[in-house]
Amino acid sequence: MSAPLTVIALIEQAAAQLDQAGVAYGHGTTNSFDEAAWLVLWRLGLPLDSLDDVADRSVSPEEQAAVDALVKQRIATRKPAAYLTRQAWLQGVPFYVDERVIVPRSFIAEVLADGSIDAWLSDRTHRVLDLCTGNGSLAVLAAMAYPDVTVDGADISEDALAVARINVEQHGLQDRITLLHSDGLSSVRGPYDLILCNPPYVNAESMKALPAEYRAEPELALASGEDGMDFTRALFAALRADPDRYLGEDAVIVLEIGNERPNFERAFPDLAVTWLPTTSGDDQLLLVTRDALLLDTHAPEGAPLSS
């Protein structure tokens, strides 16, 4: 009689299946083992941080069958694991997620947690805007990081705002976070002292090459024109057109642009920005002050994101 399968053996088996199937990662994990561990532990109802404690726990045939079905679903649908588990984590904080929003993975979460943007803030930082809030995770993390601020989370998608509302309520932040349906800046209620924005920024060529896991996400939250800068051009144009409406006197904008730094620098060659270090390098995230934005007089024209 063979020994019962253990949790760690089941994870290794699932990882081998994922490898063989050639699935893509990047929605909370970067490799087959971590993805398999997430799926196995979640399916077995075990805490995701409990692997060291449960690695040698035996798995029943029924549990093995349930895990096998989930792994097969991951492979067949090519949906990110977060859509199957309905949960994603940023900086150790859990968030509800489903197919109405992209899976939260913004590097802005890192700078909120480590305080690396605090030097640009002050006791006058009271109002925060999380533009393109998606599932609301950055709005929640900003409220947690800065207990004295209020946060507006804005998105063009009513579906995304419905998901964000779940997360705001789960974390008990209804009194400090207001969710706004807004096409860009059109319906926001500035001025703001800090604007966080993880906008659509994927260029057209990259969109065509995205793995199926990324194509499972709402395209509206990813694609932004030929060079990925359409949303950012319009955002900066709107801020410059009416700065006092949107920006406090010492306001700063923290913007994520993914792998598009070359396109960003071609679009805004004279704009003075500070590149913020993240775990993925120093060219994914930037900070620009109100003063720098308004000094960039050679900025390209864009259709403002406001009415």
C-alpha atoms as a PDB file:
ATOM      1  CA  MET A   1       0.000   0.000   0.000  1.00  0.00           C
ATOM      2  CA  SER A   2       1.493   3.331  -1.065  1.00  0.00           C
ATOM      3  CA  ALA A   3       1.977   6.166   1.392  1.00  0.00           C
ATOM      4  CA  PRO A   4      -0.663   8.923   1.293  1.00  0.00           C
ATOM      5  CA  LEU A   5       0.127  11.991  -0.794  1.00  0.00           C
ATOM      6  CA  THR A   6       1.330  15.000   1.200  1.00  0.00           C
ATOM      7  CA  VAL A   7       0.600  18.677   0.661  1.00  0.00           C
ATOM      8  CA  ILE A   8       4.115  19.383  -0.593  1.00  0.00           C
ATOM      9  CA  ALA A   9       3.993  16.439  -2.979  1.00  0.00           C
ATOM     10  CA  LEU A  10       0.645  17.634  -4.303  1.00  0.00           C
ATOM     11  CA  ILE A  11       2.084  21.127  -4.857  1.00  0.00           C
ATOM     12  CA  GLU A  12       5.073  19.718  -6.733  1.00  0.00           C
ATOM     13  CA  GLN A  13       2.749  17.602  -8.846  1.00  0.00           C
ATOM     14  CA  ALA A  14       0.568  20.611  -9.657  1.00  0.00           C
ATOM     15  CA  ALA A  15       3.629  22.737 -10.462  1.00  0.00           C
ATOM     16  CA  ALA A  16       4.796  20.121 -12.953  1.00  0.00           C
ATOM     17  CA  GLN A  17       1.363  20.210 -14.626  1.00  0.00           C
ATOM     18  CA  LEU A  18       1.476  23.998 -14.874  1.00  0.00           C
ATOM     19  CA  ASP A  19       4.979  23.889 -16.324  1.00  0.00           C
ATOM     20  CA  GLN A  20       4.003  21.303 -18.886  1.00  0.00           C
ATOM     21  CA  ALA A  21       0.981  23.354 -19.909  1.00  0.00           C
ATOM     22  CA  GLY A  22       3.080  26.519 -20.344  1.00  0.00           C
ATOM     23  CA  VAL A  23       0.789  28.820 -18.377  1.00  0.00           C
ATOM     24  CA  ALA A  24       1.845  32.417 -17.781  1.00  0.00           C
ATOM     25  CA  TYR A  25       2.379  34.074 -14.420  1.00  0.00           C
ATOM     26  CA  GLY A  26       2.572  37.636 -13.131  1.00  0.00           C
ATOM     27  CA  HIS A  27      -0.710  37.998 -11.261  1.00  0.00           C
ATOM     28  CA  GLY A  28       0.630  37.474  -7.782  1.00  0.00           C
ATOM     29  CA  THR A  29       3.207  34.792  -8.500  1.00  0.00           C
ATOM     30  CA  THR A  30       6.178  34.529 -10.828  1.00  0.00           C
ATOM     31  CA  ASN A  31       6.708  30.755 -11.074  1.00  0.00           C
ATOM     32  CA  SER A  32       4.919  27.426 -11.183  1.00  0.00           C
ATOM     33  CA  PHE A  33       5.722  26.365  -7.611  1.00  0.00           C
ATOM     34  CA  ASP A  34       4.289  29.514  -6.020  1.00  0.00           C
ATOM     35  CA  GLU A  35       1.233  29.369  -8.288  1.00  0.00           C
ATOM     36  CA  ALA A  36       0.680  25.706  -7.408  1.00  0.00           C
ATOM     37  CA  ALA A  37       1.106  26.410  -3.695  1.00  0.00           C
ATOM     38  CA  TRP A  38      -1.505  29.166  -3.911  1.00  0.00           C
ATOM     39  CA  LEU A  39      -4.016  26.898  -5.653  1.00  0.00           C
ATOM     40  CA  VAL A  40      -3.399  23.858  -3.450  1.00  0.00           C
ATOM     41  CA  LEU A  41      -3.488  25.681  -0.119  1.00  0.00           C
ATOM     42  CA  TRP A  42      -6.577  27.651  -1.107  1.00  0.00           C
ATOM     43  CA  ARG A  43      -8.427  24.559  -2.347  1.00  0.00           C
ATOM     44  CA  LEU A  44      -7.589  22.706   0.869  1.00  0.00           C
ATOM     45  CA  GLY A  45      -8.778  25.626   2.975  1.00  0.00           C
ATOM     46  CA  LEU A  46      -5.332  26.214   4.460  1.00  0.00           C
ATOM     47  CA  PRO A  47      -3.756  29.643   5.119  1.00  0.00           C
ATOM     48  CA  LEU A  48      -1.567  30.716   2.214  1.00  0.00           C
ATOM     49  CA  ASP A  49       1.339  31.347   4.581  1.00  0.00           C
ATOM     50  CA  SER A  50       1.088  27.937   6.255  1.00  0.00           C
ATOM     51  CA  LEU A  51       3.149  25.770   3.885  1.00  0.00           C
ATOM     52  CA  ASP A  52       6.010  25.192   6.325  1.00  0.00           C
ATOM     53  CA  ASP A  53       3.543  23.934   8.914  1.00  0.00           C
ATOM     54  CA  VAL A  54       1.424  21.722   6.642  1.00  0.00           C
ATOM     55  CA  ALA A  55       3.920  20.474   4.052  1.00  0.00           C
ATOM     56  CA  ASP A  56       3.864  16.908   5.411  1.00  0.00           C
ATOM     57  CA  ARG A  57       0.114  16.801   6.057  1.00  0.00           C
ATOM     58  CA  SER A  58      -1.516  13.920   4.219  1.00  0.00           C
ATOM     59  CA  VAL A  59      -4.092  14.606   1.530  1.00  0.00           C
ATOM     60  CA  SER A  60      -7.203  12.497   1.103  1.00  0.00           C
ATOM     61  CA  PRO A  61      -8.248  11.159  -2.306  1.00  0.00           C
ATOM     62  CA  GLU A  62     -11.187  13.566  -2.265  1.00  0.00           C
ATOM     63  CA  GLU A  63      -8.919  16.527  -1.566  1.00  0.00           C
ATOM     64  CA  GLN A  64      -6.539  15.405  -4.286  1.00  0.00           C
ATOM     65  CA  ALA A  65      -9.405  15.230  -6.763  1.00  0.00           C
ATOM     66  CA  ALA A  66     -10.573  18.729  -5.807  1.00  0.00           C
ATOM     67  CA  VAL A  67      -7.079  20.161  -6.297  1.00  0.00           C
ATOM     68  CA  ASP A  68      -6.660  18.335  -9.583  1.00  0.00           C
ATOM     69  CA  ALA A  69      -9.916  19.834 -10.871  1.00  0.00           C
ATOM     70  CA  LEU A  70      -8.789  23.342  -9.893  1.00  0.00           C
ATOM     71  CA  VAL A  71      -5.403  22.955 -11.563  1.00  0.00           C
ATOM     72  CA  LYS A  72      -7.094  21.655 -14.712  1.00  0.00           C
ATOM     73  CA  GLN A  73      -9.409  24.681 -14.622  1.00  0.00           C
ATOM     74  CA  ARG A  74      -6.403  27.006 -14.344  1.00  0.00           C
ATOM     75  CA  ILE A  75      -4.818  25.359 -17.371  1.00  0.00           C
ATOM     76  CA  ALA A  76      -7.952  25.093 -19.498  1.00  0.00           C
ATOM     77  CA  THR A  77      -9.265  28.616 -18.914  1.00  0.00           C
ATOM     78  CA  ARG A  78      -5.892  30.391 -18.648  1.00  0.00           C
ATOM     79  CA  LYS A  79      -7.523  32.618 -16.033  1.00  0.00           C
ATOM     80  CA  PRO A  80      -5.179  34.059 -13.401  1.00  0.00           C
ATOM     81  CA  ALA A  81      -5.341  32.153 -10.120  1.00  0.00           C
ATOM     82  CA  ALA A  82      -6.829  35.223  -8.433  1.00  0.00           C
ATOM     83  CA  TYR A  83      -9.959  34.915 -10.569  1.00  0.00           C
ATOM     84  CA  LEU A  84     -10.360  31.305  -9.474  1.00  0.00           C
ATOM     85  CA  THR A  85      -9.770  31.962  -5.765  1.00  0.00           C
ATOM     86  CA  ARG A  86     -11.509  35.368  -5.770  1.00  0.00           C
ATOM     87  CA  GLN A  87      -8.658  36.775  -3.718  1.00  0.00           C
ATOM     88  CA  ALA A  88      -5.429  38.679  -4.270  1.00  0.00           C
ATOM     89  CA  TRP A  89      -2.897  40.118  -1.847  1.00  0.00           C
ATOM     90  CA  LEU A  90      -0.951  43.365  -1.897  1.00  0.00           C
ATOM     91  CA  GLN A  91       1.586  44.077   0.853  1.00  0.00           C
ATOM     92  CA  GLY A  92       0.061  41.285   2.906  1.00  0.00           C
ATOM     93  CA  VAL A  93      -3.443  42.761   2.709  1.00  0.00           C
ATOM     94  CA  PRO A  94      -6.196  40.590   1.177  1.00  0.00           C
ATOM     95  CA  PHE A  95      -8.518  41.935  -1.500  1.00  0.00           C
ATOM     96  CA  TYR A  96     -11.541  40.510  -3.269  1.00  0.00           C
ATOM     97  CA  VAL A  97     -11.094  40.267  -7.030  1.00  0.00           C
ATOM     98  CA  ASP A  98     -13.019  38.913 -10.005  1.00  0.00           C
ATOM     99  CA  GLU A  99     -13.110  39.277 -13.776  1.00  0.00           C
ATOM    100  CA  ARG A 100     -14.595  42.791 -13.592  1.00  0.00           C
ATOM    101  CA  VAL A 101     -11.177  44.211 -12.647  1.00  0.00           C
ATOM    102  CA  ILE A 102      -7.540  43.550 -13.397  1.00  0.00           C
ATOM    103  CA  VAL A 103      -5.720  41.552 -10.752  1.00  0.00           C
ATOM    104  CA  PRO A 104      -4.106  44.119  -8.409  1.00  0.00           C
ATOM    105  CA  ARG A 105      -0.301  44.103  -8.626  1.00  0.00           C
ATOM    106  CA  SER A 106       0.663  47.771  -8.665  1.00  0.00           C
ATOM    107  CA  PHE A 107       4.121  48.754  -7.453  1.00  0.00           C
ATOM    108  CA  ILE A 108       2.482  51.839  -5.958  1.00  0.00           C
ATOM    109  CA  ALA A 109       1.564  49.514  -3.100  1.00  0.00           C
ATOM    110  CA  GLU A 110       5.263  49.164  -2.286  1.00  0.00           C
ATOM    111  CA  VAL A 111       5.946  52.883  -1.931  1.00  0.00           C
ATOM    112  CA  LEU A 112       2.829  53.319   0.184  1.00  0.00           C
ATOM    113  CA  ALA A 113       4.058  50.580   2.510  1.00  0.00           C
ATOM    114  CA  ASP A 114       7.749  51.492   2.717  1.00  0.00           C
ATOM    115  CA  GLY A 115       7.264  55.248   3.079  1.00  0.00           C
ATOM    116  CA  SER A 116       9.573  56.113   0.205  1.00  0.00           C
ATOM    117  CA  ILE A 117       7.258  58.897  -1.013  1.00  0.00           C
ATOM    118  CA  ASP A 118       6.751  60.383   2.446  1.00  0.00           C
ATOM    119  CA  ALA A 119       9.500  62.970   1.894  1.00  0.00           C
ATOM    120  CA  TRP A 120       7.231  64.635  -0.698  1.00  0.00           C
ATOM    121  CA  LEU A 121       4.272  64.702   1.680  1.00  0.00           C
ATOM    122  CA  SER A 122       3.634  66.789   4.782  1.00  0.00           C
ATOM    123  CA  ASP A 123       1.096  67.584   7.477  1.00  0.00           C
ATOM    124  CA  ARG A 124      -0.749  69.447   4.715  1.00  0.00           C
ATOM    125  CA  THR A 125      -1.392  66.188   2.856  1.00  0.00           C
ATOM    126  CA  HIS A 126      -5.073  65.643   3.543  1.00  0.00           C
ATOM    127  CA  ARG A 127      -6.763  64.565   0.317  1.00  0.00           C
ATOM    128  CA  VAL A 128      -5.725  61.648  -1.875  1.00  0.00           C
ATOM    129  CA  LEU A 129      -7.052  60.553  -5.266  1.00  0.00           C
ATOM    130  CA  ASP A 130      -6.624  56.984  -6.486  1.00  0.00           C
ATOM    131  CA  LEU A 131      -7.346  57.427 -10.190  1.00  0.00           C
ATOM    132  CA  CYS A 132      -8.201  54.229 -12.092  1.00  0.00           C
ATOM    133  CA  THR A 133      -8.875  52.602  -8.744  1.00  0.00           C
ATOM    134  CA  GLY A 134      -9.931  49.212 -10.144  1.00  0.00           C
ATOM    135  CA  ASN A 135     -10.684  46.941  -7.198  1.00  0.00           C
ATOM    136  CA  GLY A 136      -9.858  49.758  -4.781  1.00  0.00           C
ATOM    137  CA  SER A 137      -6.715  48.180  -3.350  1.00  0.00           C
ATOM    138  CA  LEU A 138      -4.514  51.273  -3.623  1.00  0.00           C
ATOM    139  CA  ALA A 139      -7.223  53.454  -2.101  1.00  0.00           C
ATOM    140  CA  VAL A 140      -7.427  51.047   0.831  1.00  0.00           C
ATOM    141  CA  LEU A 141      -3.647  50.866   1.243  1.00  0.00           C
ATOM    142  CA  ALA A 142      -3.351  54.674   1.105  1.00  0.00           C
ATOM    143  CA  ALA A 143      -5.984  55.028   3.815  1.00  0.00           C
ATOM    144  CA  MET A 144      -4.129  52.470   5.913  1.00  0.00           C
ATOM    145  CA  ALA A 145      -0.741  54.127   5.360  1.00  0.00           C
ATOM    146  CA  TYR A 146      -1.961  57.656   6.144  1.00  0.00           C
ATOM    147  CA  PRO A 147      -4.619  57.560   8.885  1.00  0.00           C
ATOM    148  CA  ASP A 148      -5.267  61.312   8.678  1.00  0.00           C
ATOM    149  CA  VAL A 149      -6.205  61.479   4.997  1.00  0.00           C
ATOM    150  CA  THR A 150      -9.425  60.950   3.085  1.00  0.00           C
ATOM    151  CA  VAL A 151      -9.301  59.129  -0.228  1.00  0.00           C
ATOM    152  CA  ASP A 152     -11.354  59.325  -3.406  1.00  0.00           C
ATOM    153  CA  GLY A 153     -11.188  56.245  -5.620  1.00  0.00           C
ATOM    154  CA  ALA A 154     -12.255  57.006  -9.187  1.00  0.00           C
ATOM    155  CA  ASP A 155     -12.837  54.730 -12.159  1.00  0.00           C
ATOM    156  CA  ILE A 156     -14.646  54.852 -15.481  1.00  0.00           C
ATOM    157  CA  SER A 157     -15.971  51.319 -14.947  1.00  0.00           C
ATOM    158  CA  GLU A 158     -19.089  50.858 -12.834  1.00  0.00           C
ATOM    159  CA  ASP A 159     -18.197  47.158 -12.619  1.00  0.00           C
ATOM    160  CA  ALA A 160     -14.805  47.986 -11.166  1.00  0.00           C
ATOM    161  CA  LEU A 161     -16.373  50.327  -8.627  1.00  0.00           C
ATOM    162  CA  ALA A 162     -18.719  47.540  -7.510  1.00  0.00           C
ATOM    163  CA  VAL A 163     -15.672  45.407  -6.741  1.00  0.00           C
ATOM    164  CA  ALA A 164     -13.914  48.334  -5.057  1.00  0.00           C
ATOM    165  CA  ARG A 165     -16.952  48.828  -2.841  1.00  0.00           C
ATOM    166  CA  ILE A 166     -16.603  45.244  -1.599  1.00  0.00           C
ATOM    167  CA  ASN A 167     -13.013  45.893  -0.573  1.00  0.00           C
ATOM    168  CA  VAL A 168     -13.678  49.256   1.040  1.00  0.00           C
ATOM    169  CA  GLU A 169     -16.418  47.680   3.124  1.00  0.00           C
ATOM    170  CA  GLN A 170     -14.387  44.570   3.971  1.00  0.00           C
ATOM    171  CA  HIS A 171     -11.686  46.793   5.423  1.00  0.00           C
ATOM    172  CA  GLY A 172     -14.135  49.075   7.210  1.00  0.00           C
ATOM    173  CA  LEU A 173     -13.031  52.254   5.439  1.00  0.00           C
ATOM    174  CA  GLN A 174     -16.379  53.575   4.196  1.00  0.00           C
ATOM    175  CA  ASP A 175     -15.987  56.729   6.280  1.00  0.00           C
ATOM    176  CA  ARG A 176     -12.653  57.657   4.705  1.00  0.00           C
ATOM    177  CA  ILE A 177     -12.866  56.344   1.132  1.00  0.00           C
ATOM    178  CA  THR A 178     -15.371  57.715  -1.391  1.00  0.00           C
ATOM    179  CA  LEU A 179     -15.803  55.909  -4.703  1.00  0.00           C
ATOM    180  CA  LEU A 180     -16.541  58.047  -7.758  1.00  0.00           C
ATOM    181  CA  HIS A 181     -17.678  57.080 -11.240  1.00  0.00           C
ATOM    182  CA  SER A 182     -15.473  59.279 -13.386  1.00  0.00           C
ATOM    183  CA  ASP A 183     -14.098  59.284 -16.920  1.00  0.00           C
ATOM    184  CA  GLY A 184     -10.588  60.311 -15.997  1.00  0.00           C
ATOM    185  CA  LEU A 185     -10.837  63.511 -13.968  1.00  0.00           C
ATOM    186  CA  SER A 186     -14.285  64.540 -15.206  1.00  0.00           C
ATOM    187  CA  SER A 187     -16.180  63.857 -11.970  1.00  0.00           C
ATOM    188  CA  VAL A 188     -13.487  64.015  -9.303  1.00  0.00           C
ATOM    189  CA  ARG A 189     -13.646  66.554  -6.505  1.00  0.00           C
ATOM    190  CA  GLY A 190     -10.225  68.105  -6.134  1.00  0.00           C
ATOM    191  CA  PRO A 191      -7.940  69.691  -5.336  1.00  0.00           C
ATOM    192  CA  TYR A 192      -5.823  66.754  -4.143  1.00  0.00           C
ATOM    193  CA  ASP A 193      -2.509  66.712  -2.322  1.00  0.00           C
ATOM    194  CA  LEU A 194      -1.530  63.266  -3.616  1.00  0.00           C
ATOM    195  CA  ILE A 195      -2.698  61.557  -6.799  1.00  0.00           C
ATOM    196  CA  LEU A 196      -1.994  57.858  -7.240  1.00  0.00           C
ATOM    197  CA  CYS A 197      -2.559  56.448 -10.698  1.00  0.00           C
ATOM    198  CA  ASN A 198      -1.993  53.002 -12.150  1.00  0.00           C
ATOM    199  CA  PRO A 199      -3.523  53.790 -15.546  1.00  0.00           C
ATOM    200  CA  PRO A 200      -3.844  51.846 -18.773  1.00  0.00           C
ATOM    201  CA  TYR A 201      -0.327  51.969 -20.255  1.00  0.00           C
ATOM    202  CA  VAL A 202       0.242  48.918 -22.465  1.00  0.00           C
ATOM    203  CA  ASN A 203       1.285  49.836 -26.005  1.00  0.00           C
ATOM    204  CA  ALA A 204      -0.465  48.374 -29.041  1.00  0.00           C
ATOM    205  CA  GLU A 205       2.338  45.995 -30.020  1.00  0.00           C
ATOM    206  CA  SER A 206       2.593  44.602 -26.493  1.00  0.00           C
ATOM    207  CA  MET A 207      -1.176  44.168 -26.302  1.00  0.00           C
ATOM    208  CA  LYS A 208      -1.037  41.862 -29.310  1.00  0.00           C
ATOM    209  CA  ALA A 209       1.609  39.718 -27.610  1.00  0.00           C
ATOM    210  CA  LEU A 210      -0.021  39.409 -24.183  1.00  0.00           C
ATOM    211  CA  PRO A 211      -0.436  35.862 -22.825  1.00  0.00           C
ATOM    212  CA  ALA A 212      -3.974  34.567 -22.404  1.00  0.00           C
ATOM    213  CA  GLU A 213      -3.874  35.244 -18.646  1.00  0.00           C
ATOM    214  CA  TYR A 214      -3.549  38.973 -19.324  1.00  0.00           C
ATOM    215  CA  ARG A 215      -6.149  38.915 -22.088  1.00  0.00           C
ATOM    216  CA  ALA A 216      -8.564  37.508 -19.482  1.00  0.00           C
ATOM    217  CA  GLU A 217      -8.439  40.925 -17.793  1.00  0.00           C
ATOM    218  CA  PRO A 218     -10.521  43.940 -18.905  1.00  0.00           C
ATOM    219  CA  GLU A 219      -8.776  45.493 -21.907  1.00  0.00           C
ATOM    220  CA  LEU A 220     -10.044  48.908 -20.835  1.00  0.00           C
ATOM    221  CA  ALA A 221      -7.636  48.789 -17.884  1.00  0.00           C
ATOM    222  CA  LEU A 222      -4.612  47.817 -19.979  1.00  0.00           C
ATOM    223  CA  ALA A 223      -4.511  49.291 -23.498  1.00  0.00           C
ATOM    224  CA  SER A 224      -3.615  52.938 -24.068  1.00  0.00           C
ATOM    225  CA  GLY A 225      -2.937  53.583 -27.720  1.00  0.00           C
ATOM    226  CA  GLU A 226      -0.006  53.017 -30.016  1.00  0.00           C
ATOM    227  CA  ASP A 227       2.715  53.887 -27.492  1.00  0.00           C
ATOM    228  CA  GLY A 228       0.775  53.247 -24.278  1.00  0.00           C
ATOM    229  CA  MET A 229       0.760  56.923 -23.368  1.00  0.00           C
ATOM    230  CA  ASP A 230      -2.686  58.066 -24.524  1.00  0.00           C
ATOM    231  CA  PHE A 231      -4.212  58.094 -21.036  1.00  0.00           C
ATOM    232  CA  THR A 232      -1.172  59.765 -19.492  1.00  0.00           C
ATOM    233  CA  ARG A 233      -1.102  62.494 -22.180  1.00  0.00           C
ATOM    234  CA  ALA A 234      -4.749  63.264 -21.535  1.00  0.00           C
ATOM    235  CA  LEU A 235      -4.272  63.187 -17.767  1.00  0.00           C
ATOM    236  CA  PHE A 236      -1.366  65.624 -17.814  1.00  0.00           C
ATOM    237  CA  ALA A 237      -3.216  67.889 -20.266  1.00  0.00           C
ATOM    238  CA  ALA A 238      -6.219  68.056 -17.956  1.00  0.00           C
ATOM    239  CA  LEU A 239      -4.065  68.779 -14.902  1.00  0.00           C
ATOM    240  CA  ARG A 240      -2.241  71.590 -16.727  1.00  0.00           C
ATOM    241  CA  ALA A 241      -5.456  73.061 -18.110  1.00  0.00           C
ATOM    242  CA  ASP A 242      -6.935  73.614 -14.643  1.00  0.00           C
ATOM    243  CA  PRO A 243      -4.302  72.892 -11.990  1.00  0.00           C
ATOM    244  CA  ASP A 244      -6.094  74.641  -9.136  1.00  0.00           C
ATOM    245  CA  ARG A 245      -9.130  72.425  -9.661  1.00  0.00           C
ATOM    246  CA  TYR A 246      -7.169  69.205  -9.297  1.00  0.00           C
ATOM    247  CA  LEU A 247      -3.868  69.918  -7.545  1.00  0.00           C
ATOM    248  CA  GLY A 248      -3.109  71.303  -4.127  1.00  0.00           C
ATOM    249  CA  GLU A 249      -0.247  73.760  -3.730  1.00  0.00           C
ATOM    250  CA  ASP A 250       2.292  71.030  -2.895  1.00  0.00           C
ATOM    251  CA  ALA A 251       0.622  68.195  -4.804  1.00  0.00           C
ATOM    252  CA  VAL A 252       2.531  65.221  -6.158  1.00  0.00           C
ATOM    253  CA  ILE A 253       1.477  62.543  -8.630  1.00  0.00           C
ATOM    254  CA  VAL A 254       2.697  58.952  -8.371  1.00  0.00           C
ATOM    255  CA  LEU A 255       2.279  57.221 -11.722  1.00  0.00           C
ATOM    256  CA  GLU A 256       2.925  53.642 -12.759  1.00  0.00           C
ATOM    257  CA  ILE A 257       3.993  53.009 -16.359  1.00  0.00           C
ATOM    258  CA  GLY A 258       5.157  49.382 -16.310  1.00  0.00           C
ATOM    259  CA  ASN A 259       7.690  48.656 -19.027  1.00  0.00           C
ATOM    260  CA  GLU A 260       6.933  51.829 -20.950  1.00  0.00           C
ATOM    261  CA  ARG A 261       9.695  54.134 -19.701  1.00  0.00           C
ATOM    262  CA  PRO A 262      11.167  54.646 -23.200  1.00  0.00           C
ATOM    263  CA  ASN A 263       7.743  55.613 -24.542  1.00  0.00           C
ATOM    264  CA  PHE A 264       7.109  57.862 -21.538  1.00  0.00           C
ATOM    265  CA  GLU A 265      10.404  59.697 -22.050  1.00  0.00           C
ATOM    266  CA  ARG A 266       9.706  60.129 -25.754  1.00  0.00           C
ATOM    267  CA  ALA A 267       6.259  61.523 -24.955  1.00  0.00           C
ATOM    268  CA  PHE A 268       7.492  63.854 -22.182  1.00  0.00           C
ATOM    269  CA  PRO A 269      11.170  64.570 -22.921  1.00  0.00           C
ATOM    270  CA  ASP A 270      11.350  67.774 -20.872  1.00  0.00           C
ATOM    271  CA  LEU A 271       9.350  66.683 -17.838  1.00  0.00           C
ATOM    272  CA  ALA A 272      11.398  66.433 -14.639  1.00  0.00           C
ATOM    273  CA  VAL A 273      10.365  63.308 -12.751  1.00  0.00           C
ATOM    274  CA  THR A 274      11.760  61.183  -9.936  1.00  0.00           C
ATOM    275  CA  TRP A 275      11.986  57.474 -10.672  1.00  0.00           C
ATOM    276  CA  LEU A 276      11.059  55.438  -7.610  1.00  0.00           C
ATOM    277  CA  PRO A 277      12.853  52.162  -6.787  1.00  0.00           C
ATOM    278  CA  THR A 278      10.660  49.051  -6.640  1.00  0.00           C
ATOM    279  CA  THR A 279      11.289  45.331  -6.418  1.00  0.00           C
ATOM    280  CA  SER A 280      11.109  45.273 -10.215  1.00  0.00           C
ATOM    281  CA  GLY A 281      13.708  47.990 -10.754  1.00  0.00           C
ATOM    282  CA  ASP A 282      13.810  51.766 -10.999  1.00  0.00           C
ATOM    283  CA  ASP A 283      11.814  52.399 -14.169  1.00  0.00           C
ATOM    284  CA  GLN A 284       8.277  51.203 -13.409  1.00  0.00           C
ATOM    285  CA  LEU A 285       7.123  54.012 -11.151  1.00  0.00           C
ATOM    286  CA  LEU A 286       7.637  57.774 -11.186  1.00  0.00           C
ATOM    287  CA  LEU A 287       6.757  60.800  -9.125  1.00  0.00           C
ATOM    288  CA  VAL A 288       6.114  64.250 -10.554  1.00  0.00           C
ATOM    289  CA  THR A 289       5.393  67.391  -8.562  1.00  0.00           C
ATOM    290  CA  ARG A 290       2.815  70.011  -9.428  1.00  0.00           C
ATOM    291  CA  ASP A 291       5.589  72.537 -10.044  1.00  0.00           C
ATOM    292  CA  ALA A 292       7.448  70.238 -12.439  1.00  0.00           C
ATOM    293  CA  LEU A 293       4.284  69.389 -14.360  1.00  0.00           C
ATOM    294  CA  LEU A 294       3.414  73.054 -14.869  1.00  0.00           C
ATOM    295  CA  LEU A 295       6.988  73.970 -15.841  1.00  0.00           C
ATOM    296  CA  ASP A 296       6.991  71.482 -18.718  1.00  0.00           C
ATOM    297  CA  THR A 297       5.842  74.000 -21.282  1.00  0.00           C
ATOM    298  CA  HIS A 298       6.789  71.820 -24.265  1.00  0.00           C
ATOM    299  CA  ALA A 299       4.405  69.031 -23.290  1.00  0.00           C
ATOM    300  CA  PRO A 300       2.478  67.357 -26.118  1.00  0.00           C
ATOM    301  CA  GLU A 301      -1.168  68.153 -26.510  1.00  0.00           C
ATOM    302  CA  GLY A 302      -3.710  65.549 -25.410  1.00  0.00           C
ATOM    303  CA  ALA A 303      -7.458  65.406 -25.079  1.00  0.00           C
ATOM    304  CA  PRO A 304      -7.995  66.389 -21.445  1.00  0.00           C
ATOM    305  CA  LEU A 305      -9.537  63.801 -19.141  1.00  0.00           C
ATOM    306  CA  SER A 306     -12.188  66.216 -17.904  1.00  0.00           C
ATOM    307  CA  SER A 307     -15.316  67.886 -19.065  1.00  0.00           C
END
